Each structure stands twice: as C-alpha cells, then as structure tokens.
C-alpha cells in the first residue's frame, strides 16, 4: 500500500511539474520606444504599443482616428468597430478573427484589452487599410513603424 501511495504521489508530482512547464505563456512587452508614424507624423498613444507573440498591438481609438475611421465600442459584447465610407473593420476582444467589409479574416494575435484600452494588431490593420508598413531600424527612430 505504501508503495502504491509513493507511486501515486510521484505520478502527481510529475504531472504537476509537466503541466507547469508545458503551459503556454503569452509574452507581452510594452515599450515606450515603439513609435508609429503615419505619413511622417508620429501617432501619440496614451497606452504604449505592446509586443504580443511577436506582433505589435496599438490602442484602437488612436490608430483608427488617425487613419480616418470613426470608432464604435460595444461594451456588452466587447466588439470594436472602425468605419469610413469605404471600409468597416470589426474586432472582437479575445477572438483571432476580424471582419473586414463583411469578410472574415484571421488575426495572428487577437485584439486585447490592456490597461483599459482596446489594442489591435498594427500589421493587420495597416494591411487591410492599404497602408505600406515598414519597420524602422533602431538607429532611425528607436524601433518603430512607418505607415505610408
């Protein structure tokens, strides 16, 4: 019986240790050094852009308004919408899907709420709004993005 208890304890310990090691983590890095330029003008954010799983997320309202989208936020469903006369983009918090002009598209990382702000993937947004995105070198503007 003692041998059985020891084997069970060892098994549980190994299972617990493996679960801790194997649990996926989400890497989040905030940097005030990340700058986003739109046609040469820096977009200022009240919450710093975040690097999540290698993707840059920026505050939705600031970037939407900078590129000419009106903003709507539905707090009950946690859905953010940006629209103008040509384009509508819908992000659901936590979902890896977005809707662009009634077409479902896959996100590399989902939109998230960080420090009370809805954060959306910059590359996805620039691509779907027909902006060219260029990552700036650290020597040019301390690591940032140029949308043109």
Protein backbone atom coordinates (compact mmCIF):
# COMPACT_ATOMS: atom_id res chain seq x y z
CA UNK A 1 0.00 0.00 0.00
CA UNK A 2 2.86 2.39 0.87
CA UNK A 3 4.48 1.64 -2.47
CA UNK A 4 1.22 2.45 -4.25
CA UNK A 5 0.92 5.78 -2.37
CA UNK A 6 4.51 6.68 -3.28
CA UNK A 7 3.92 5.86 -6.94
CA UNK A 8 0.73 7.92 -6.93
CA UNK A 9 2.48 10.90 -5.27
CA UNK A 10 5.35 10.65 -7.75
CA UNK A 11 2.91 10.49 -10.65
CA UNK A 12 1.01 13.56 -9.38
CA UNK A 13 4.25 15.47 -8.83
CA UNK A 14 5.43 14.68 -12.37
CA UNK A 15 2.01 15.62 -13.81
CA UNK A 16 2.00 18.92 -11.90
CA UNK A 17 5.57 19.74 -12.93
CA UNK A 18 4.86 18.86 -16.57
CA UNK A 19 1.71 20.96 -16.55
CA UNK A 20 3.59 23.99 -15.26
CA UNK A 21 6.39 23.56 -17.79
CA UNK A 22 4.09 22.83 -20.73
CA UNK A 23 1.55 25.59 -20.04
CA UNK A 24 1.68 28.05 -22.94
CA UNK A 25 2.54 31.57 -21.97
CA UNK A 26 1.77 34.80 -23.72
CA UNK A 27 4.77 37.06 -24.00
CA UNK A 28 3.78 40.70 -23.57
CA UNK A 29 6.25 43.53 -23.85
CA UNK A 30 5.35 47.20 -23.58
CA UNK A 31 7.71 49.75 -24.94
CA UNK A 32 7.58 53.50 -24.94
CA UNK A 33 10.34 53.28 -27.55
CA UNK A 34 7.97 51.90 -30.20
CA UNK A 35 6.77 54.73 -32.37
CA UNK A 36 4.18 54.67 -35.13
CA UNK A 37 4.43 57.26 -37.88
CA UNK A 38 1.56 57.89 -40.27
CA UNK A 39 2.70 59.73 -43.37
CA UNK A 40 5.60 61.20 -41.42
CA UNK A 41 3.64 62.24 -38.31
CA UNK A 42 4.01 60.35 -35.05
CA UNK A 43 0.78 58.98 -33.61
CA UNK A 44 0.72 59.53 -29.85
CA UNK A 45 -0.83 56.84 -27.66
CA UNK A 46 -1.96 57.09 -24.04
CA UNK A 47 -1.00 53.41 -23.61
CA UNK A 48 2.31 52.27 -25.11
CA UNK A 49 2.23 49.82 -28.02
CA UNK A 50 2.60 46.22 -26.86
CA UNK A 51 4.52 43.35 -28.42
CA UNK A 52 2.50 40.15 -28.01
CA UNK A 53 3.75 36.93 -29.53
CA UNK A 54 5.97 38.94 -31.86
CA UNK A 55 3.16 41.22 -33.06
CA UNK A 56 2.71 44.90 -32.28
CA UNK A 57 -0.64 45.92 -30.84
CA UNK A 58 -1.62 49.58 -30.62
CA UNK A 59 -4.53 51.40 -28.97
CA UNK A 60 -7.52 51.10 -31.29
CA UNK A 61 -9.11 54.52 -30.92
CA UNK A 62 -5.91 56.47 -31.59
CA UNK A 63 -4.92 54.45 -34.66
CA UNK A 64 -8.48 54.27 -36.06
CA UNK A 65 -8.96 58.02 -35.76
CA UNK A 66 -5.51 58.71 -37.23
CA UNK A 67 -6.34 56.73 -40.38
CA UNK A 68 -9.77 58.30 -40.72
CA UNK A 69 -12.04 55.66 -39.24
CA UNK A 70 -14.90 56.52 -36.93
CA UNK A 71 -14.88 54.39 -33.78
CA UNK A 72 -17.65 52.45 -32.11
CA UNK A 73 -17.28 50.31 -28.99
CA UNK A 74 -19.95 47.90 -27.77
CA UNK A 75 -19.05 47.22 -24.15
CA UNK A 76 -21.60 44.44 -23.64
CA UNK A 77 -20.22 42.31 -26.50
CA UNK A 78 -16.64 43.66 -26.32
CA UNK A 79 -16.69 44.49 -30.04
CA UNK A 80 -14.77 47.39 -31.59
CA UNK A 81 -15.73 48.76 -34.99
CA UNK A 82 -13.90 51.23 -37.17
CA UNK A 83 -15.53 52.50 -40.33
CA UNK A 84 -15.43 55.10 -43.06
CA UNK A 85 -17.22 55.37 -46.40
CA UNK A 86 -15.11 52.55 -47.92
CA UNK A 87 -14.13 50.21 -45.10
CA UNK A 88 -15.56 48.61 -41.98
CA UNK A 89 -13.29 46.64 -39.65
CA UNK A 90 -14.69 44.75 -36.66
CA UNK A 91 -12.56 43.29 -33.86
CA UNK A 92 -13.97 41.08 -31.08
CA UNK A 93 -11.85 41.06 -27.94
CA UNK A 94 -10.10 37.72 -27.50
CA UNK A 95 -11.04 36.43 -30.96
CA UNK A 96 -8.46 35.51 -33.59
CA UNK A 97 -10.91 36.62 -36.28
CA UNK A 98 -11.82 40.07 -37.56
CA UNK A 99 -14.40 41.15 -40.09
CA UNK A 100 -13.26 43.44 -42.90
CA UNK A 101 -16.02 44.61 -45.24
CA UNK A 102 -18.14 41.56 -44.35
CA UNK A 103 -15.26 39.12 -44.94
CA UNK A 104 -13.86 37.09 -42.06
CA UNK A 105 -10.08 37.32 -41.71
CA UNK A 106 -7.68 35.53 -39.34
CA UNK A 107 -5.53 37.52 -36.92
CA UNK A 108 -2.04 36.42 -35.84
CA UNK A 109 -2.95 37.62 -32.33
CA UNK A 110 -6.39 38.61 -31.08
CA UNK A 111 -7.42 42.12 -30.13
CA UNK A 112 -6.99 42.57 -26.38
CA UNK A 113 -7.81 44.96 -23.59
CA UNK A 114 -4.62 46.17 -21.91
CA UNK A 115 -4.59 48.90 -19.27
CA UNK A 116 -8.19 49.70 -20.11
CA UNK A 117 -7.54 50.20 -23.82
CA UNK A 118 -8.57 48.05 -26.75
CA UNK A 119 -5.38 47.01 -28.51
CA UNK A 120 -5.40 45.86 -32.15
CA UNK A 121 -2.68 44.32 -34.34
CA UNK A 122 -0.94 47.08 -36.29
CA UNK A 123 0.19 44.94 -39.22
CA UNK A 124 -3.30 43.54 -39.81
CA UNK A 125 -4.83 46.99 -39.68
CA UNK A 126 -2.27 48.59 -42.00
CA UNK A 127 -2.57 45.75 -44.50
CA UNK A 128 -6.36 45.91 -44.57
CA UNK A 129 -6.40 49.71 -44.86
CA UNK A 130 -3.93 49.57 -47.78
CA UNK A 131 -1.06 51.22 -45.95
CA UNK A 132 2.50 50.14 -46.54
CA UNK A 133 4.11 49.20 -43.27
CA UNK A 134 7.86 49.42 -42.81
CA UNK A 135 9.60 48.51 -39.60
CA UNK A 136 12.09 51.21 -38.78
CA UNK A 137 15.59 50.35 -37.67
CA UNK A 138 16.66 51.19 -34.12
CA UNK A 139 19.00 53.86 -35.47
CA UNK A 140 16.24 55.72 -37.26
CA UNK A 141 13.56 56.18 -34.59
CA UNK A 142 14.42 53.80 -31.78
CA UNK A 143 12.34 51.00 -33.24
CA UNK A 144 9.02 51.88 -34.76
CA UNK A 145 6.68 51.63 -37.70
CA UNK A 146 6.11 53.90 -40.67
CA UNK A 147 2.74 53.75 -42.37
CA UNK A 148 2.52 55.41 -45.74
